[in-house]
Amino acid sequence: MSKSTSITEQLANNVDTATGVLKALSNETRIKLMCMLMDGEKSAGELAQGVDMRLPAISQHLSKMRAAGLVVSRRNAQTIYYKAKGGVGHAIVRTLCDYYRE
């Protein structure tokens, strides 16, 4: 982007991505999952225990988060591990954590 592009124009050029991230984060469970993943990689089972939900429900949330580019996953045998992906979603959750810390 050129230096003459305003912040508003930059956001307007990325509005689809921004909207997708905000939609993915507009759920209490998904925000909790992101907070857990900010501390490092966790298995789907660990995440389910952490938010006291069944694995199939967590898997649906994680699928939406992965589609929005918030998390990445890897498989080790039968266990799937997730971690927060850097980027705008990570920055939003970090900002929320910092804001509510006080």
PDB file of N, CA and C in Angstrom:
ATOM      1  N   MET A   1       0.827  -1.179   0.000  1.00  0.00           N
ATOM      2  CA  MET A   1       0.000   0.000   0.000  1.00  0.00           C
ATOM      3  C   MET A   1       0.870   1.241   0.000  1.00  0.00           C
ATOM      4  N   SER A   2       0.402   2.224  -0.698  1.00  0.00           N
ATOM      5  CA  SER A   2       1.171   3.462  -0.741  1.00  0.00           C
ATOM      6  C   SER A   2       0.943   4.268   0.529  1.00  0.00           C
ATOM      7  N   LYS A   3       1.856   5.181   0.785  1.00  0.00           N
ATOM      8  CA  LYS A   3       1.751   6.019   1.973  1.00  0.00           C
ATOM      9  C   LYS A   3       0.537   6.934   1.908  1.00  0.00           C
ATOM     10  N   SER A   4       0.023   7.199   0.709  1.00  0.00           N
ATOM     11  CA  SER A   4      -1.118   8.099   0.574  1.00  0.00           C
ATOM     12  C   SER A   4      -2.447   7.415   0.903  1.00  0.00           C
ATOM     13  N   THR A   5      -2.446   6.109   1.092  1.00  0.00           N
ATOM     14  CA  THR A   5      -3.662   5.384   1.427  1.00  0.00           C
ATOM     15  C   THR A   5      -3.986   5.608   2.898  1.00  0.00           C
ATOM     16  N   SER A   6      -5.185   6.111   3.171  1.00  0.00           N
ATOM     17  CA  SER A   6      -5.577   6.391   4.554  1.00  0.00           C
ATOM     18  C   SER A   6      -5.920   5.099   5.288  1.00  0.00           C
ATOM     19  N   ILE A   7      -5.968   5.199   6.596  1.00  0.00           N
ATOM     20  CA  ILE A   7      -6.332   4.041   7.415  1.00  0.00           C
ATOM     21  C   ILE A   7      -7.733   3.577   7.048  1.00  0.00           C
ATOM     22  N   THR A   8      -8.644   4.501   6.830  1.00  0.00           N
ATOM     23  CA  THR A   8     -10.013   4.159   6.444  1.00  0.00           C
ATOM     24  C   THR A   8     -10.032   3.398   5.126  1.00  0.00           C
ATOM     25  N   GLU A   9      -9.246   3.834   4.170  1.00  0.00           N
ATOM     26  CA  GLU A   9      -9.173   3.149   2.878  1.00  0.00           C
ATOM     27  C   GLU A   9      -8.573   1.757   3.039  1.00  0.00           C
ATOM     28  N   GLN A  10      -7.575   1.632   3.904  1.00  0.00           N
ATOM     29  CA  GLN A  10      -6.952   0.329   4.134  1.00  0.00           C
ATOM     30  C   GLN A  10      -7.969  -0.650   4.705  1.00  0.00           C
ATOM     31  N   LEU A  11      -8.765  -0.195   5.685  1.00  0.00           N
ATOM     32  CA  LEU A  11      -9.795  -1.062   6.255  1.00  0.00           C
ATOM     33  C   LEU A  11     -10.853  -1.381   5.207  1.00  0.00           C
ATOM     34  N   ALA A  12     -11.263  -0.393   4.439  1.00  0.00           N
ATOM     35  CA  ALA A  12     -12.271  -0.616   3.398  1.00  0.00           C
ATOM     36  C   ALA A  12     -11.798  -1.661   2.392  1.00  0.00           C
ATOM     37  N   ASN A  13     -10.512  -1.666   2.097  1.00  0.00           N
ATOM     38  CA  ASN A  13      -9.960  -2.643   1.159  1.00  0.00           C
ATOM     39  C   ASN A  13      -9.924  -4.050   1.744  1.00  0.00           C
ATOM     40  N   ASN A  14     -10.026  -4.163   3.060  1.00  0.00           N
ATOM     41  CA  ASN A  14      -9.967  -5.460   3.737  1.00  0.00           C
ATOM     42  C   ASN A  14     -11.236  -5.751   4.525  1.00  0.00           C
ATOM     43  N   VAL A  15     -12.329  -5.109   4.164  1.00  0.00           N
ATOM     44  CA  VAL A  15     -13.559  -5.214   4.943  1.00  0.00           C
ATOM     45  C   VAL A  15     -14.095  -6.649   4.984  1.00  0.00           C
ATOM     46  N   ASP A  16     -13.971  -7.407   3.915  1.00  0.00           N
ATOM     47  CA  ASP A  16     -14.461  -8.790   3.920  1.00  0.00           C
ATOM     48  C   ASP A  16     -13.719  -9.629   4.951  1.00  0.00           C
ATOM     49  N   THR A  17     -12.409  -9.491   4.981  1.00  0.00           N
ATOM     50  CA  THR A  17     -11.604 -10.230   5.955  1.00  0.00           C
ATOM     51  C   THR A  17     -11.938  -9.783   7.369  1.00  0.00           C
ATOM     52  N   ALA A  18     -12.021  -8.481   7.582  1.00  0.00           N
ATOM     53  CA  ALA A  18     -12.321  -7.949   8.915  1.00  0.00           C
ATOM     54  C   ALA A  18     -13.688  -8.422   9.398  1.00  0.00           C
ATOM     55  N   THR A  19     -14.666  -8.415   8.515  1.00  0.00           N
ATOM     56  CA  THR A  19     -16.006  -8.864   8.875  1.00  0.00           C
ATOM     57  C   THR A  19     -16.001 -10.343   9.247  1.00  0.00           C
ATOM     58  N   GLY A  20     -15.281 -11.149   8.491  1.00  0.00           N
ATOM     59  CA  GLY A  20     -15.191 -12.577   8.799  1.00  0.00           C
ATOM     60  C   GLY A  20     -14.572 -12.841  10.155  1.00  0.00           C
ATOM     61  N   VAL A  21     -13.523 -12.111  10.484  1.00  0.00           N
ATOM     62  CA  VAL A  21     -12.865 -12.273  11.786  1.00  0.00           C
ATOM     63  C   VAL A  21     -13.808 -11.854  12.904  1.00  0.00           C
ATOM     64  N   LEU A  22     -14.462 -10.706  12.746  1.00  0.00           N
ATOM     65  CA  LEU A  22     -15.373 -10.228  13.789  1.00  0.00           C
ATOM     66  C   LEU A  22     -16.564 -11.162  13.969  1.00  0.00           C
ATOM     67  N   LYS A  23     -17.083 -11.720  12.882  1.00  0.00           N
ATOM     68  CA  LYS A  23     -18.174 -12.695  12.990  1.00  0.00           C
ATOM     69  C   LYS A  23     -17.711 -13.932  13.751  1.00  0.00           C
ATOM     70  N   ALA A  24     -16.515 -14.393  13.436  1.00  0.00           N
ATOM     71  CA  ALA A  24     -15.991 -15.585  14.108  1.00  0.00           C
ATOM     72  C   ALA A  24     -15.773 -15.334  15.594  1.00  0.00           C
ATOM     73  N   LEU A  25     -15.446 -14.111  15.960  1.00  0.00           N
ATOM     74  CA  LEU A  25     -15.211 -13.770  17.367  1.00  0.00           C
ATOM     75  C   LEU A  25     -16.472 -13.301  18.084  1.00  0.00           C
ATOM     76  N   SER A  26     -17.600 -13.269  17.400  1.00  0.00           N
ATOM     77  CA  SER A  26     -18.824 -12.749  18.007  1.00  0.00           C
ATOM     78  C   SER A  26     -19.598 -13.826  18.764  1.00  0.00           C
ATOM     79  N   ASN A  27     -18.871 -14.712  19.397  1.00  0.00           N
ATOM     80  CA  ASN A  27     -19.463 -15.809  20.151  1.00  0.00           C
ATOM     81  C   ASN A  27     -18.648 -16.009  21.423  1.00  0.00           C
ATOM     82  N   GLU A  28     -19.324 -16.114  22.539  1.00  0.00           N
ATOM     83  CA  GLU A  28     -18.653 -16.238  23.833  1.00  0.00           C
ATOM     84  C   GLU A  28     -17.700 -17.433  23.883  1.00  0.00           C
ATOM     85  N   THR A  29     -18.147 -18.565  23.383  1.00  0.00           N
ATOM     86  CA  THR A  29     -17.306 -19.767  23.418  1.00  0.00           C
ATOM     87  C   THR A  29     -16.055 -19.583  22.575  1.00  0.00           C
ATOM     88  N   ARG A  30     -16.195 -18.996  21.401  1.00  0.00           N
ATOM     89  CA  ARG A  30     -15.030 -18.817  20.536  1.00  0.00           C
ATOM     90  C   ARG A  30     -14.031 -17.824  21.126  1.00  0.00           C
ATOM     91  N   ILE A  31     -14.509 -16.807  21.821  1.00  0.00           N
ATOM     92  CA  ILE A  31     -13.580 -15.898  22.499  1.00  0.00           C
ATOM     93  C   ILE A  31     -12.845 -16.645  23.607  1.00  0.00           C
ATOM     94  N   LYS A  32     -13.558 -17.473  24.365  1.00  0.00           N
ATOM     95  CA  LYS A  32     -12.906 -18.271  25.413  1.00  0.00           C
ATOM     96  C   LYS A  32     -11.856 -19.203  24.812  1.00  0.00           C
ATOM     97  N   LEU A  33     -12.198 -19.832  23.692  1.00  0.00           N
ATOM     98  CA  LEU A  33     -11.245 -20.729  23.036  1.00  0.00           C
ATOM     99  C   LEU A  33     -10.005 -19.963  22.586  1.00  0.00           C
ATOM    100  N   MET A  34     -10.206 -18.784  22.004  1.00  0.00           N
ATOM    101  CA  MET A  34      -9.051 -17.973  21.582  1.00  0.00           C
ATOM    102  C   MET A  34      -8.186 -17.607  22.779  1.00  0.00           C
ATOM    103  N   CYS A  35      -8.813 -17.247  23.890  1.00  0.00           N
ATOM    104  CA  CYS A  35      -8.043 -16.911  25.094  1.00  0.00           C
ATOM    105  C   CYS A  35      -7.208 -18.103  25.546  1.00  0.00           C
ATOM    106  N   MET A  36      -7.795 -19.292  25.514  1.00  0.00           N
ATOM    107  CA  MET A  36      -7.053 -20.493  25.898  1.00  0.00           C
ATOM    108  C   MET A  36      -5.886 -20.732  24.945  1.00  0.00           C
ATOM    109  N   LEU A  37      -6.116 -20.512  23.662  1.00  0.00           N
ATOM    110  CA  LEU A  37      -5.082 -20.782  22.665  1.00  0.00           C
ATOM    111  C   LEU A  37      -3.988 -19.725  22.650  1.00  0.00           C
ATOM    112  N   MET A  38      -4.255 -18.572  23.229  1.00  0.00           N
ATOM    113  CA  MET A  38      -3.215 -17.539  23.327  1.00  0.00           C
ATOM    114  C   MET A  38      -2.083 -18.014  24.237  1.00  0.00           C
ATOM    115  N   ASP A  39      -2.396 -18.959  25.125  1.00  0.00           N
ATOM    116  CA  ASP A  39      -1.387 -19.511  26.035  1.00  0.00           C
ATOM    117  C   ASP A  39      -0.603 -20.658  25.418  1.00  0.00           C
ATOM    118  N   GLY A  40      -0.949 -21.053  24.198  1.00  0.00           N
ATOM    119  CA  GLY A  40      -0.218 -22.120  23.527  1.00  0.00           C
ATOM    120  C   GLY A  40      -1.138 -23.181  22.952  1.00  0.00           C
ATOM    121  N   GLU A  41      -0.528 -24.109  22.258  1.00  0.00           N
ATOM    122  CA  GLU A  41      -1.244 -25.179  21.573  1.00  0.00           C
ATOM    123  C   GLU A  41      -1.997 -26.058  22.567  1.00  0.00           C
ATOM    124  N   LYS A  42      -3.219 -26.448  22.172  1.00  0.00           N
ATOM    125  CA  LYS A  42      -4.043 -27.326  23.004  1.00  0.00           C
ATOM    126  C   LYS A  42      -4.761 -28.327  22.096  1.00  0.00           C
ATOM    127  N   SER A  43      -5.035 -29.494  22.650  1.00  0.00           N
ATOM    128  CA  SER A  43      -5.813 -30.482  21.902  1.00  0.00           C
ATOM    129  C   SER A  43      -7.290 -30.096  21.949  1.00  0.00           C
ATOM    130  N   ALA A  44      -8.055 -30.645  21.017  1.00  0.00           N
ATOM    131  CA  ALA A  44      -9.490 -30.377  21.001  1.00  0.00           C
ATOM    132  C   ALA A  44     -10.125 -30.835  22.313  1.00  0.00           C
ATOM    133  N   GLY A  45      -9.656 -31.947  22.855  1.00  0.00           N
ATOM    134  CA  GLY A  45     -10.176 -32.441  24.130  1.00  0.00           C
ATOM    135  C   GLY A  45      -9.898 -31.495  25.284  1.00  0.00           C
ATOM    136  N   GLU A  46      -8.685 -30.936  25.321  1.00  0.00           N
ATOM    137  CA  GLU A  46      -8.341 -29.960  26.365  1.00  0.00           C
ATOM    138  C   GLU A  46      -9.220 -28.721  26.255  1.00  0.00           C
ATOM    139  N   LEU A  47      -9.466 -28.292  25.027  1.00  0.00           N
ATOM    140  CA  LEU A  47     -10.313 -27.120  24.816  1.00  0.00           C
ATOM    141  C   LEU A  47     -11.745 -27.401  25.259  1.00  0.00           C
ATOM    142  N   ALA A  48     -12.245 -28.591  24.932  1.00  0.00           N
ATOM    143  CA  ALA A  48     -13.603 -28.962  25.337  1.00  0.00           C
ATOM    144  C   ALA A  48     -13.735 -28.954  26.857  1.00  0.00           C
ATOM    145  N   GLN A  49     -12.741 -29.511  27.545  1.00  0.00           N
ATOM    146  CA  GLN A  49     -12.760 -29.497  29.012  1.00  0.00           C
ATOM    147  C   GLN A  49     -12.697 -28.080  29.548  1.00  0.00           C
ATOM    148  N   GLY A  50     -11.890 -27.246  28.928  1.00  0.00           N
ATOM    149  CA  GLY A  50     -11.693 -25.879  29.398  1.00  0.00           C
ATOM    150  C   GLY A  50     -12.938 -25.018  29.340  1.00  0.00           C
ATOM    151  N   VAL A  51     -13.826 -25.313  28.406  1.00  0.00           N
ATOM    152  CA  VAL A  51     -15.067 -24.539  28.294  1.00  0.00           C
ATOM    153  C   VAL A  51     -16.290 -25.373  28.664  1.00  0.00           C
ATOM    154  N   ASP A  52     -16.049 -26.579  29.186  1.00  0.00           N
ATOM    155  CA  ASP A  52     -17.105 -27.475  29.665  1.00  0.00           C
ATOM    156  C   ASP A  52     -18.176 -27.719  28.596  1.00  0.00           C
ATOM    157  N   MET A  53     -17.696 -28.149  27.430  1.00  0.00           N
ATOM    158  CA  MET A  53     -18.599 -28.487  26.332  1.00  0.00           C
ATOM    159  C   MET A  53     -18.176 -29.824  25.734  1.00  0.00           C
ATOM    160  N   ARG A  54     -19.096 -30.425  25.024  1.00  0.00           N
ATOM    161  CA  ARG A  54     -18.792 -31.693  24.362  1.00  0.00           C
ATOM    162  C   ARG A  54     -17.929 -31.452  23.126  1.00  0.00           C
ATOM    163  N   LEU A  55     -17.142 -32.446  22.792  1.00  0.00           N
ATOM    164  CA  LEU A  55     -16.199 -32.348  21.678  1.00  0.00           C
ATOM    165  C   LEU A  55     -16.855 -31.998  20.336  1.00  0.00           C
ATOM    166  N   PRO A  56     -18.009 -32.593  19.976  1.00  0.00           N
ATOM    167  CA  PRO A  56     -18.613 -32.220  18.687  1.00  0.00           C
ATOM    168  C   PRO A  56     -18.953 -30.722  18.594  1.00  0.00           C
ATOM    169  N   ALA A  57     -19.428 -30.144  19.678  1.00  0.00           N
ATOM    170  CA  ALA A  57     -19.755 -28.710  19.678  1.00  0.00           C
ATOM    171  C   ALA A  57     -18.488 -27.875  19.533  1.00  0.00           C
ATOM    172  N   ILE A  58     -17.429 -28.268  20.239  1.00  0.00           N
ATOM    173  CA  ILE A  58     -16.153 -27.552  20.154  1.00  0.00           C
ATOM    174  C   ILE A  58     -15.595 -27.648  18.738  1.00  0.00           C
ATOM    175  N   SER A  59     -15.715 -28.812  18.138  1.00  0.00           N
ATOM    176  CA  SER A  59     -15.210 -29.002  16.773  1.00  0.00           C
ATOM    177  C   SER A  59     -15.892 -28.056  15.792  1.00  0.00           C
ATOM    178  N   GLN A  60     -17.185 -27.816  15.975  1.00  0.00           N
ATOM    179  CA  GLN A  60     -17.887 -26.877  15.095  1.00  0.00           C
ATOM    180  C   GLN A  60     -17.363 -25.457  15.286  1.00  0.00           C
ATOM    181  N   HIS A  61     -17.138 -25.064  16.536  1.00  0.00           N
ATOM    182  CA  HIS A  61     -16.583 -23.734  16.799  1.00  0.00           C
ATOM    183  C   HIS A  61     -15.189 -23.604  16.187  1.00  0.00           C
ATOM    184  N   LEU A  62     -14.360 -24.617  16.380  1.00  0.00           N
ATOM    185  CA  LEU A  62     -12.994 -24.578  15.856  1.00  0.00           C
ATOM    186  C   LEU A  62     -12.977 -24.546  14.331  1.00  0.00           C
ATOM    187  N   SER A  63     -13.931 -25.209  13.714  1.00  0.00           N
ATOM    188  CA  SER A  63     -14.039 -25.186  12.256  1.00  0.00           C
ATOM    189  C   SER A  63     -14.314 -23.766  11.757  1.00  0.00           C
ATOM    190  N   LYS A  64     -15.212 -23.059  12.431  1.00  0.00           N
ATOM    191  CA  LYS A  64     -15.505 -21.668  12.058  1.00  0.00           C
ATOM    192  C   LYS A  64     -14.289 -20.780  12.292  1.00  0.00           C
ATOM    193  N   MET A  65     -13.581 -21.037  13.366  1.00  0.00           N
ATOM    194  CA  MET A  65     -12.388 -20.249  13.681  1.00  0.00           C
ATOM    195  C   MET A  65     -11.283 -20.501  12.656  1.00  0.00           C
ATOM    196  N   ARG A  66     -11.146 -21.751  12.246  1.00  0.00           N
ATOM    197  CA  ARG A  66     -10.135 -22.092  11.239  1.00  0.00           C
ATOM    198  C   ARG A  66     -10.489 -21.445   9.898  1.00  0.00           C
ATOM    199  N   ALA A  67     -11.767 -21.471   9.535  1.00  0.00           N
ATOM    200  CA  ALA A  67     -12.209 -20.863   8.274  1.00  0.00           C
ATOM    201  C   ALA A  67     -11.961 -19.353   8.255  1.00  0.00           C
ATOM    202  N   ALA A  68     -12.028 -18.725   9.429  1.00  0.00           N
ATOM    203  CA  ALA A  68     -11.793 -17.279   9.527  1.00  0.00           C
ATOM    204  C   ALA A  68     -10.313 -16.942   9.665  1.00  0.00           C
ATOM    205  N   GLY A  69      -9.472 -17.971   9.719  1.00  0.00           N
ATOM    206  CA  GLY A  69      -8.032 -17.738   9.827  1.00  0.00           C
ATOM    207  C   GLY A  69      -7.563 -17.405  11.230  1.00  0.00           C
ATOM    208  N   LEU A  70      -8.367 -17.754  12.238  1.00  0.00           N
ATOM    209  CA  LEU A  70      -7.998 -17.462  13.623  1.00  0.00           C
ATOM    210  C   LEU A  70      -7.091 -18.523  14.225  1.00  0.00           C
ATOM    211  N   VAL A  71      -7.248 -19.764  13.779  1.00  0.00           N
ATOM    212  CA  VAL A  71      -6.472 -20.864  14.341  1.00  0.00           C
ATOM    213  C   VAL A  71      -5.917 -21.739  13.230  1.00  0.00           C
ATOM    214  N   VAL A  72      -4.890 -22.487  13.574  1.00  0.00           N
ATOM    215  CA  VAL A  72      -4.350 -23.526  12.701  1.00  0.00           C
ATOM    216  C   VAL A  72      -4.365 -24.825  13.488  1.00  0.00           C
ATOM    217  N   SER A  73      -4.375 -25.928  12.773  1.00  0.00           N
ATOM    218  CA  SER A  73      -4.439 -27.223  13.446  1.00  0.00           C
ATOM    219  C   SER A  73      -3.408 -28.175  12.860  1.00  0.00           C
ATOM    220  N   ARG A  74      -3.098 -29.179  13.660  1.00  0.00           N
ATOM    221  CA  ARG A  74      -2.242 -30.271  13.199  1.00  0.00           C
ATOM    222  C   ARG A  74      -2.744 -31.549  13.856  1.00  0.00           C
ATOM    223  N   ARG A  75      -2.538 -32.653  13.167  1.00  0.00           N
ATOM    224  CA  ARG A  75      -2.976 -33.949  13.684  1.00  0.00           C
ATOM    225  C   ARG A  75      -1.758 -34.747  14.110  1.00  0.00           C
ATOM    226  N   ASN A  76      -1.866 -35.388  15.265  1.00  0.00           N
ATOM    227  CA  ASN A  76      -0.851 -36.315  15.746  1.00  0.00           C
ATOM    228  C   ASN A  76      -1.591 -37.592  16.124  1.00  0.00           C
ATOM    229  N   ALA A  77      -1.492 -38.594  15.275  1.00  0.00           N
ATOM    230  CA  ALA A  77      -2.257 -39.831  15.422  1.00  0.00           C
ATOM    231  C   ALA A  77      -3.743 -39.460  15.386  1.00  0.00           C
ATOM    232  N   GLN A  78      -4.477 -39.713  16.471  1.00  0.00           N
ATOM    233  CA  GLN A  78      -5.908 -39.415  16.469  1.00  0.00           C
ATOM    234  C   GLN A  78      -6.250 -38.105  17.164  1.00  0.00           C
ATOM    235  N   THR A  79      -5.249 -37.404  17.623  1.00  0.00           N
ATOM    236  CA  THR A  79      -5.480 -36.158  18.352  1.00  0.00           C
ATOM    237  C   THR A  79      -5.213 -34.962  17.443  1.00  0.00           C
ATOM    238  N   ILE A  80      -6.138 -34.011  17.467  1.00  0.00           N
ATOM    239  CA  ILE A  80      -5.960 -32.772  16.707  1.00  0.00           C
ATOM    240  C   ILE A  80      -5.606 -31.666  17.689  1.00  0.00           C
ATOM    241  N   TYR A  81      -4.528 -30.965  17.373  1.00  0.00           N
ATOM    242  CA  TYR A  81      -4.060 -29.854  18.198  1.00  0.00           C
ATOM    243  C   TYR A  81      -4.322 -28.545  17.469  1.00  0.00           C
ATOM    244  N   TYR A  82      -4.673 -27.542  18.237  1.00  0.00           N
ATOM    245  CA  TYR A  82      -4.959 -26.215  17.682  1.00  0.00           C
ATOM    246  C   TYR A  82      -4.065 -25.183  18.336  1.00  0.00           C
ATOM    247  N   LYS A  83      -3.764 -24.125  17.584  1.00  0.00           N
ATOM    248  CA  LYS A  83      -3.065 -22.982  18.163  1.00  0.00           C
ATOM    249  C   LYS A  83      -3.560 -21.720  17.479  1.00  0.00           C
ATOM    250  N   ALA A  84      -3.474 -20.623  18.210  1.00  0.00           N
ATOM    251  CA  ALA A  84      -3.897 -19.337  17.666  1.00  0.00           C
ATOM    252  C   ALA A  84      -2.940 -18.934  16.559  1.00  0.00           C
ATOM    253  N   LYS A  85      -3.497 -18.448  15.489  1.00  0.00           N
ATOM    254  CA  LYS A  85      -2.694 -17.955  14.374  1.00  0.00           C
ATOM    255  C   LYS A  85      -2.505 -16.457  14.589  1.00  0.00           C
ATOM    256  N   GLY A  86      -1.336 -15.969  14.308  1.00  0.00           N
ATOM    257  CA  GLY A  86      -1.113 -14.532  14.425  1.00  0.00           C
ATOM    258  C   GLY A  86      -2.030 -13.777  13.477  1.00  0.00           C
ATOM    259  N   GLY A  87      -2.034 -12.500  13.568  1.00  0.00           N
ATOM    260  CA  GLY A  87      -2.847 -11.693  12.673  1.00  0.00           C
ATOM    261  C   GLY A  87      -3.876 -10.884  13.426  1.00  0.00           C
ATOM    262  N   VAL A  88      -4.864 -10.437  12.688  1.00  0.00           N
ATOM    263  CA  VAL A  88      -5.836  -9.505  13.255  1.00  0.00           C
ATOM    264  C   VAL A  88      -6.650 -10.132  14.385  1.00  0.00           C
ATOM    265  N   GLY A  89      -7.037 -11.395  14.259  1.00  0.00           N
ATOM    266  CA  GLY A  89      -7.793 -12.049  15.331  1.00  0.00           C
ATOM    267  C   GLY A  89      -6.997 -12.108  16.615  1.00  0.00           C
ATOM    268  N   HIS A  90      -5.738 -12.461  16.489  1.00  0.00           N
ATOM    269  CA  HIS A  90      -4.833 -12.508  17.642  1.00  0.00           C
ATOM    270  C   HIS A  90      -4.721 -11.121  18.267  1.00  0.00           C
ATOM    271  N   ALA A  91      -4.579 -10.096  17.437  1.00  0.00           N
ATOM    272  CA  ALA A  91      -4.450  -8.719  17.931  1.00  0.00           C
ATOM    273  C   ALA A  91      -5.718  -8.261  18.648  1.00  0.00           C
ATOM    274  N   ILE A  92      -6.877  -8.629  18.121  1.00  0.00           N
ATOM    275  CA  ILE A  92      -8.142  -8.241  18.757  1.00  0.00           C
ATOM    276  C   ILE A  92      -8.271  -8.885  20.127  1.00  0.00           C
ATOM    277  N   VAL A  93      -8.005 -10.180  20.207  1.00  0.00           N
ATOM    278  CA  VAL A  93      -8.128 -10.878  21.491  1.00  0.00           C
ATOM    279  C   VAL A  93      -7.092 -10.365  22.481  1.00  0.00           C
ATOM    280  N   ARG A  94      -5.879 -10.112  22.029  1.00  0.00           N
ATOM    281  CA  ARG A  94      -4.841  -9.549  22.912  1.00  0.00           C
ATOM    282  C   ARG A  94      -5.291  -8.185  23.446  1.00  0.00           C
ATOM    283  N   THR A  95      -5.879  -7.365  22.589  1.00  0.00           N
ATOM    284  CA  THR A  95      -6.380  -6.053  23.012  1.00  0.00           C
ATOM    285  C   THR A  95      -7.484  -6.206  24.054  1.00  0.00           C
ATOM    286  N   LEU A  96      -8.404  -7.149  23.835  1.00  0.00           N
ATOM    287  CA  LEU A  96      -9.462  -7.394  24.814  1.00  0.00           C
ATOM    288  C   LEU A  96      -8.883  -7.861  26.146  1.00  0.00           C
ATOM    289  N   CYS A  97      -7.914  -8.768  26.087  1.00  0.00           N
ATOM    290  CA  CYS A  97      -7.268  -9.254  27.319  1.00  0.00           C
ATOM    291  C   CYS A  97      -6.615  -8.100  28.074  1.00  0.00           C
ATOM    292  N   ASP A  98      -5.887  -7.261  27.361  1.00  0.00           N
ATOM    293  CA  ASP A  98      -5.221  -6.118  27.989  1.00  0.00           C
ATOM    294  C   ASP A  98      -6.238  -5.143  28.571  1.00  0.00           C
ATOM    295  N   TYR A  99      -7.309  -4.904  27.850  1.00  0.00           N
ATOM    296  CA  TYR A  99      -8.328  -3.955  28.294  1.00  0.00           C
ATOM    297  C   TYR A  99      -8.998  -4.424  29.587  1.00  0.00           C
ATOM    298  N   TYR A 100      -9.358  -5.703  29.646  1.00  0.00           N
ATOM    299  CA  TYR A 100     -10.091  -6.218  30.798  1.00  0.00           C
ATOM    300  C   TYR A 100      -9.192  -6.670  31.937  1.00  0.00           C
ATOM    301  N   ARG A 101      -7.898  -6.626  31.738  1.00  0.00           N
ATOM    302  CA  ARG A 101      -6.956  -7.004  32.789  1.00  0.00           C
ATOM    303  C   ARG A 101      -7.046  -6.025  33.960  1.00  0.00           C
ATOM    304  N   GLU A 102      -7.312  -4.778  33.671  1.00  0.00           N
ATOM    305  CA  GLU A 102      -7.321  -3.733  34.711  1.00  0.00           C
ATOM    306  C   GLU A 102      -8.592  -3.702  35.498  1.00  0.00           C
TER     307      GLU A 102
END
